[in-house]
Protein backbone atom coordinates (compact mmCIF):
# COMPACT_ATOMS: atom_id res chain seq x y z
CA MET A 1 92.82 138.65 -198.25
CA LYS A 2 95.28 140.00 -195.32
CA LYS A 3 92.53 142.64 -193.56
CA VAL A 4 93.70 145.93 -193.01
CA ALA A 5 92.48 148.72 -190.93
CA VAL A 6 93.05 152.22 -191.81
CA ILE A 7 92.60 154.91 -189.54
CA GLY A 8 92.09 158.31 -191.08
CA GLY A 9 90.88 159.21 -194.05
CA GLY A 10 92.98 162.00 -195.33
CA SER A 11 94.98 162.18 -197.97
CA TRP A 12 97.77 160.28 -196.33
CA GLY A 13 95.07 157.44 -195.00
CA LEU A 14 93.78 157.42 -198.82
CA SER A 15 96.81 157.22 -200.28
CA ILE A 16 98.22 154.56 -198.24
CA SER A 17 94.83 152.50 -198.24
CA THR A 18 94.98 152.49 -202.14
CA LEU A 19 98.64 150.85 -201.84
CA LEU A 20 97.32 147.89 -199.97
CA LYS A 21 94.62 147.54 -202.01
CA TYR A 22 97.58 147.29 -204.91
CA ASN A 23 99.36 145.18 -202.97
CA GLY A 24 96.20 142.40 -202.59
CA MET A 25 94.86 143.48 -199.37
CA SER A 26 91.39 143.96 -197.70
CA VAL A 27 90.99 147.88 -196.71
CA SER A 28 88.62 148.91 -194.53
CA ILE A 29 89.12 153.25 -193.67
CA TRP A 30 87.53 154.85 -190.84
CA GLU A 31 87.09 158.66 -191.29
CA TYR A 32 85.91 160.90 -188.70
CA ASN A 33 83.96 163.67 -191.18
CA GLU A 34 81.04 162.00 -192.05
CA ASP A 35 80.63 164.73 -195.18
CA ASN A 36 84.03 162.71 -196.37
CA VAL A 37 82.61 159.30 -195.99
CA LYS A 38 79.35 160.24 -197.83
CA GLU A 39 81.93 161.60 -201.09
CA ILE A 40 83.52 158.96 -201.12
CA LEU A 41 80.87 156.24 -201.13
CA GLU A 42 78.96 158.36 -203.65
CA THR A 43 81.81 159.61 -206.22
CA ARG A 44 84.66 157.60 -205.10
CA TYR A 45 86.71 160.29 -205.21
CA ASN A 46 88.03 163.11 -202.21
CA LYS A 47 87.86 165.98 -204.55
CA ARG A 48 89.68 168.31 -202.01
CA LEU A 49 92.45 166.24 -200.97
CA LEU A 50 93.25 163.96 -203.87
CA PRO A 51 91.35 164.99 -206.66
CA ASP A 52 93.16 162.66 -209.30
CA VAL A 53 92.95 159.40 -206.80
CA ARG A 54 90.08 156.89 -207.44
CA ILE A 55 89.09 155.02 -204.53
CA ASP A 56 88.09 151.55 -205.35
CA GLU A 57 84.91 149.79 -204.60
CA SER A 58 86.29 147.43 -202.81
CA ILE A 59 88.09 149.46 -199.90
CA GLN A 60 85.12 150.33 -197.33
CA ILE A 61 84.94 153.68 -195.49
CA SER A 62 83.08 154.18 -192.06
CA SER A 63 82.52 156.72 -189.40
CA ASN A 64 82.01 153.83 -187.25
CA LEU A 65 85.35 151.91 -185.97
CA SER A 66 83.28 148.72 -185.59
CA GLU A 67 82.68 148.48 -189.10
CA VAL A 68 86.93 149.16 -189.86
CA ILE A 69 88.18 147.20 -187.46
CA LEU A 70 87.18 143.15 -188.39
CA GLU A 71 87.55 140.32 -186.82
CA GLY A 72 90.66 138.73 -188.40
CA THR A 73 92.52 142.11 -188.79
CA GLU A 74 95.96 141.73 -189.35
CA LEU A 75 97.28 145.56 -189.43
CA ILE A 76 96.27 148.85 -188.41
CA MET A 77 97.52 151.53 -190.05
CA LEU A 78 97.39 155.10 -187.91
CA ALA A 79 96.86 158.40 -190.31
CA VAL A 80 95.65 160.61 -188.24
CA PRO A 81 96.83 164.37 -187.40
CA SER A 82 99.61 164.06 -184.42
CA HIS A 83 97.66 166.03 -182.51
CA THR A 84 94.91 163.82 -182.37
CA VAL A 85 96.97 160.39 -182.22
CA ARG A 86 96.11 159.74 -178.48
CA ILE A 87 92.30 160.53 -178.58
CA VAL A 88 92.04 158.16 -181.85
CA THR A 89 94.18 155.65 -179.93
CA LYS A 90 92.39 155.43 -177.15
CA GLN A 91 89.13 154.65 -178.90
CA VAL A 92 91.31 151.97 -180.92
CA ALA A 93 92.05 150.02 -178.23
CA GLN A 94 88.72 149.53 -177.46
CA HIS A 95 88.57 147.09 -180.40
CA LEU A 96 91.49 145.15 -180.02
CA GLY A 97 90.35 142.42 -177.68
CA LYS A 98 88.51 140.80 -180.64
CA ILE A 99 91.45 140.93 -183.00
CA LYS A 100 94.89 140.43 -180.50
CA GLY A 101 95.24 136.51 -182.04
CA THR A 102 95.56 138.25 -185.88
CA LEU A 103 97.19 141.19 -185.41
CA ARG A 104 100.48 141.78 -186.66
CA GLY A 105 101.22 145.63 -186.73
CA ILE A 106 100.55 148.85 -185.83
CA VAL A 107 101.61 151.42 -187.55
CA ASN A 108 101.98 154.84 -186.81
CA LEU A 109 102.10 157.12 -190.21
CA SER A 110 102.09 160.32 -188.42
CA LYS A 111 104.96 163.26 -187.67
CA GLY A 112 104.98 165.08 -184.77
CA VAL A 113 105.70 165.41 -180.79
CA GLU A 114 102.83 165.66 -178.36
CA GLN A 115 102.26 169.08 -177.38
CA GLU A 116 101.51 168.40 -173.65
CA THR A 117 103.65 165.80 -172.69
CA LEU A 118 106.52 166.33 -175.82
CA MET A 119 106.24 162.70 -175.91
CA ARG A 120 107.23 160.84 -179.26
CA LEU A 121 104.23 159.28 -181.26
CA SER A 122 104.84 155.68 -180.73
CA GLU A 123 105.24 156.84 -177.28
CA VAL A 124 101.78 158.20 -176.79
CA ILE A 125 100.29 155.45 -179.13
CA LYS A 126 101.94 152.93 -176.34
CA SER A 127 100.60 154.39 -173.17
CA GLU A 128 97.24 154.26 -174.71
CA LEU A 129 97.69 150.08 -175.46
CA THR A 130 98.26 147.30 -173.10
CA GLY A 131 101.84 146.15 -172.42
CA GLU A 132 100.91 142.77 -175.01
CA PHE A 133 100.27 144.94 -177.64
CA HIS A 134 103.79 147.41 -177.30
CA HIS A 135 105.98 145.04 -179.40
CA LEU A 136 103.66 145.70 -182.55
CA VAL A 137 103.90 149.36 -182.98
CA ALA A 138 106.22 150.84 -185.27
CA THR A 139 106.14 153.99 -186.75
CA LEU A 140 107.12 154.65 -191.23
CA SER A 141 108.61 157.79 -191.93
CA GLY A 142 110.26 159.12 -195.13
CA PRO A 143 109.82 161.08 -198.01
CA SER A 144 106.55 160.38 -199.01
CA HIS A 145 103.88 162.71 -200.61
CA ALA A 146 100.37 161.13 -200.68
CA GLU A 147 99.94 162.42 -203.86
CA GLU A 148 102.88 161.03 -205.30
CA VAL A 149 102.29 157.20 -203.73
CA ALA A 150 98.92 157.64 -204.85
CA LEU A 151 99.94 157.54 -208.33
CA ASN A 152 102.12 154.58 -208.19
CA ILE A 153 105.49 157.10 -208.30
CA PRO A 154 108.64 155.33 -206.94
CA THR A 155 108.82 156.03 -203.41
CA ALA A 156 111.19 154.86 -200.16
CA VAL A 157 110.68 154.84 -196.76
CA VAL A 158 111.47 153.57 -193.19
CA LEU A 159 109.87 151.33 -190.51
CA ALA A 160 111.38 151.41 -187.40
CA GLY A 161 110.38 149.71 -184.34
CA SER A 162 111.75 147.32 -181.14
CA ASP A 163 110.57 144.02 -183.19
CA GLU A 164 112.45 142.79 -185.93
CA ASP A 165 109.85 139.72 -186.37
CA VAL A 166 107.41 142.28 -186.93
CA LEU A 167 109.13 144.90 -188.76
CA LEU A 168 110.27 142.32 -191.40
CA ASP A 169 106.70 141.61 -191.51
CA ILE A 170 104.86 144.57 -192.11
CA GLN A 171 108.17 145.60 -194.49
CA THR A 172 106.86 142.71 -196.83
CA LEU A 173 103.28 143.59 -196.45
CA LEU A 174 104.04 147.28 -197.42
CA SER A 175 106.81 147.00 -200.49
CA ASN A 176 106.41 146.79 -203.97
CA GLU A 177 107.54 147.68 -207.32
CA TYR A 178 107.07 151.50 -206.65
CA PHE A 179 106.74 151.56 -202.66
CA ARG A 180 109.96 150.43 -201.21
CA VAL A 181 110.36 149.80 -197.14
CA TYR A 182 113.70 149.51 -195.03
CA THR A 183 113.59 148.75 -191.68
CA SER A 184 115.31 150.33 -187.95
CA ASP A 185 115.51 149.78 -184.80
CA ASP A 186 116.37 153.64 -184.56
CA VAL A 187 112.36 154.47 -183.19
CA ILE A 188 114.14 157.68 -181.58
CA GLY A 189 115.58 159.07 -184.54
CA VAL A 190 113.27 158.07 -187.43
CA GLU A 191 110.47 160.09 -185.35
CA LEU A 192 112.35 162.81 -184.74
CA GLY A 193 113.43 163.39 -188.35
CA GLY A 194 109.96 163.43 -189.47
CA ALA A 195 108.88 165.87 -187.09
CA ILE A 196 112.01 168.64 -186.85
CA LYS A 197 111.81 168.68 -190.80
CA ASN A 198 108.62 169.79 -190.70
CA ILE A 199 110.21 173.01 -188.98
CA ILE A 200 112.79 173.77 -191.20
CA ALA A 201 110.07 173.40 -194.72
CA ILE A 202 108.21 176.00 -192.57
CA ALA A 203 111.81 178.03 -193.07
CA SER A 204 112.12 177.16 -196.42
CA GLY A 205 109.09 178.31 -197.30
CA LEU A 206 109.82 181.40 -195.34
CA VAL A 207 112.96 182.19 -197.30
CA SER A 208 110.83 181.55 -200.65
CA GLY A 209 108.22 183.59 -200.01
CA LEU A 210 110.84 186.92 -199.34
CA GLY A 211 112.37 185.84 -202.58
CA LEU A 212 115.86 184.54 -200.89
CA GLY A 213 118.28 182.83 -203.04
CA ASP A 214 119.64 179.26 -203.77
CA ASN A 215 122.79 179.97 -201.49
CA THR A 216 120.12 180.82 -198.59
CA GLN A 217 117.96 177.18 -199.15
CA GLY A 218 121.38 175.47 -199.23
CA ALA A 219 122.39 176.73 -196.06
CA LEU A 220 118.85 176.45 -194.44
CA LEU A 221 118.95 172.91 -195.25
CA THR A 222 122.65 172.46 -193.85
CA ARG A 223 122.08 173.81 -190.79
CA GLY A 224 118.35 172.48 -190.25
CA LEU A 225 119.67 168.76 -190.59
CA ALA A 226 122.22 169.93 -187.85
CA GLU A 227 119.27 171.05 -185.30
CA ILE A 228 117.61 167.50 -186.20
CA ARG A 229 121.44 165.67 -185.47
CA ARG A 230 121.64 167.80 -182.32
CA LEU A 231 118.62 167.10 -180.37
CA GLY A 232 118.35 163.37 -181.71
CA VAL A 233 121.78 162.67 -180.77
CA LYS A 234 120.72 163.95 -177.01
CA MET A 235 117.60 161.90 -177.17
CA GLY A 236 119.61 159.03 -178.38
CA ALA A 237 119.13 158.97 -182.14
CA LYS A 238 122.02 157.72 -184.51
CA PRO A 239 123.40 159.98 -186.57
CA GLN A 240 123.33 157.93 -189.35
CA THR A 241 119.50 157.51 -188.95
CA ILE A 242 119.79 161.65 -189.30
CA ASN A 243 121.16 161.35 -192.54
CA GLY A 244 118.86 158.61 -193.87
CA LEU A 245 115.42 158.76 -195.16
CA SER A 246 113.79 159.92 -192.15
CA GLY A 247 116.34 162.41 -191.71
CA ILE A 248 117.83 164.05 -194.77
CA GLY A 249 115.61 162.70 -197.53
CA ASP A 250 112.45 163.65 -196.11
CA LEU A 251 114.25 167.06 -195.00
CA ILE A 252 115.24 167.78 -198.96
CA THR A 253 111.51 166.76 -200.37
CA THR A 254 109.02 168.57 -197.71
CA ALA A 255 111.29 171.45 -197.86
CA LEU A 256 111.78 172.28 -201.34
CA SER A 257 108.44 170.19 -203.09
CA GLN A 258 105.16 172.16 -204.01
CA HIS A 259 103.03 169.52 -202.26
CA SER A 260 104.33 170.70 -199.25
CA ARG A 261 101.56 172.15 -196.78
CA ASN A 262 104.81 173.32 -194.20
CA ARG A 263 106.54 174.94 -197.00
CA TYR A 264 103.48 176.85 -198.16
CA VAL A 265 102.87 178.15 -194.37
CA GLY A 266 106.38 179.71 -194.41
CA TYR A 267 106.23 180.84 -198.01
CA LYS A 268 102.75 182.78 -196.97
CA LEU A 269 104.08 184.18 -193.89
CA GLY A 270 107.65 185.69 -196.17
CA LYS A 271 104.53 186.72 -198.45
CA GLY A 272 103.59 188.68 -195.40
CA SER A 273 100.24 186.91 -194.37
CA LYS A 274 99.13 186.03 -191.16
CA LEU A 275 99.42 182.39 -189.52
CA ASP A 276 95.57 182.83 -188.57
CA ASP A 277 94.39 183.85 -192.05
CA ILE A 278 96.65 180.85 -193.65
CA LEU A 279 95.94 178.18 -191.75
CA GLU A 280 92.18 179.05 -191.77
CA GLY A 281 92.07 178.55 -196.10
CA MET A 282 94.31 175.31 -195.47
CA ALA A 283 92.59 172.06 -196.77
CA MET A 284 95.05 170.06 -194.85
CA VAL A 285 96.66 170.57 -191.83
CA ALA A 286 99.96 171.94 -191.25
CA GLU A 287 101.85 169.68 -188.54
CA GLY A 288 105.01 171.74 -188.23
CA VAL A 289 103.23 174.98 -186.89
CA ILE A 290 102.07 172.47 -183.73
CA THR A 291 105.58 170.86 -183.47
CA THR A 292 107.09 173.70 -183.29
CA LYS A 293 105.88 174.92 -180.69
CA SER A 294 106.60 170.81 -178.99
CA ILE A 295 110.06 171.20 -180.25
CA TYR A 296 110.64 174.61 -178.84
CA HIS A 297 109.64 173.64 -175.85
CA LEU A 298 111.47 169.81 -176.29
CA LYS A 299 115.32 171.23 -176.82
CA ASN A 300 114.42 173.83 -174.28
CA LYS A 301 113.95 171.26 -171.41
CA LEU A 302 117.02 169.66 -172.82
CA GLY A 303 119.47 172.51 -173.23
CA VAL A 304 119.86 171.98 -177.13
CA ASP A 305 121.00 174.95 -179.19
CA MET A 306 118.60 175.17 -182.18
CA PRO A 307 118.67 178.89 -183.93
CA ILE A 308 116.24 178.09 -186.58
CA THR A 309 113.84 176.50 -184.46
CA ASP A 310 113.88 179.51 -182.19
CA GLU A 311 113.38 182.22 -184.93
CA ILE A 312 110.57 180.24 -186.53
CA TYR A 313 109.21 179.84 -183.18
CA GLN A 314 109.13 183.30 -182.79
CA VAL A 315 107.58 184.40 -186.33
CA LEU A 316 104.75 181.59 -185.56
CA PHE A 317 103.92 182.62 -182.20
CA ASP A 318 105.34 186.02 -181.18
CA GLU A 319 104.76 187.78 -184.27
CA LYS A 320 108.26 188.70 -185.07
CA PRO A 321 109.09 189.56 -188.82
CA PRO A 322 110.47 186.97 -191.12
CA GLU A 323 113.28 189.46 -192.35
CA LYS A 324 114.18 190.58 -188.62
CA ALA A 325 114.64 186.31 -188.23
CA ILE A 326 117.15 186.02 -191.17
CA VAL A 327 118.99 188.90 -189.89
CA ASP A 328 119.07 187.54 -186.46
CA LEU A 329 120.12 184.18 -187.98
CA MET A 330 122.92 185.76 -189.33
CA THR A 331 124.54 187.64 -187.00
CA ARG A 332 124.60 184.98 -184.30
CA ASP A 333 128.04 184.93 -182.53
CA LEU A 334 130.74 182.90 -185.07
CA LYS A 335 131.11 179.53 -184.55
CA GLY A 336 133.00 176.15 -185.97
CA GLU A 337 130.54 174.20 -187.94
CA ASP A 338 129.43 171.07 -186.37
């Protein structure tokens, strides 16, 4: 059996582990939270994150990386919150020497842009690894709620990287009759689409929380997609990538789904809740909050017009009333559609 190390025991890490086990692989999970490790070892469930999904007994879980990244490991899946990618990769790097002869891929599952450096996450990962491992780094993104993947609900995603042979290898390992993986060489487009759609999902939830209608949602998603494409192209992404699974596909799913943590944040803001209170009451991380700050500074640095991002930033961090944000978006200078 092929050995896979899943780094991160959150909902996505548990879900991808279940998929890999279904595909016939030997799976080990690293999870930093000792209470979560204990619960899964004792009950084979994480009732807080994936209450309906049983974790097979053959899937190992530990808070010790040396017990997860084993000799012969062929694939590493990084499924940690975006703001922890650097520190976790730094720890993972210390264990790669013993598997450099067998390792076939390092797959990033996180979505975001590092706040301090404004680097994309694959760039963050590579910066913590020696050059011999850089071609193995790929990013998996697309409309893929962990809750549905874990229940074998048909899902299609895209895997982006620089080495075609590595992509084809990982594509084969991950794909099955309910999980379909496409490949792409446009890492920039895939990663930016996955990151920025979380900002638009917050906006979508805000629209719902304010009680606005389908017209508003349709306009928001369309103009939100234009913002993703605008920044993506500026940074070298292909427009067709933004129109694909990691762009419009992930945007629609995240902005409209009941599973979406980012949409939930926006919805509660629209209902009048304070951001700190919303985040304190959530079991999982809403990546869009941190990403809003990163993308706001990145688009300012590059001089890219992203008015929805501007307004969400002000709602989140400047306590701007959501109603005022909508009015300001609607009354900007008139222009042609782009």
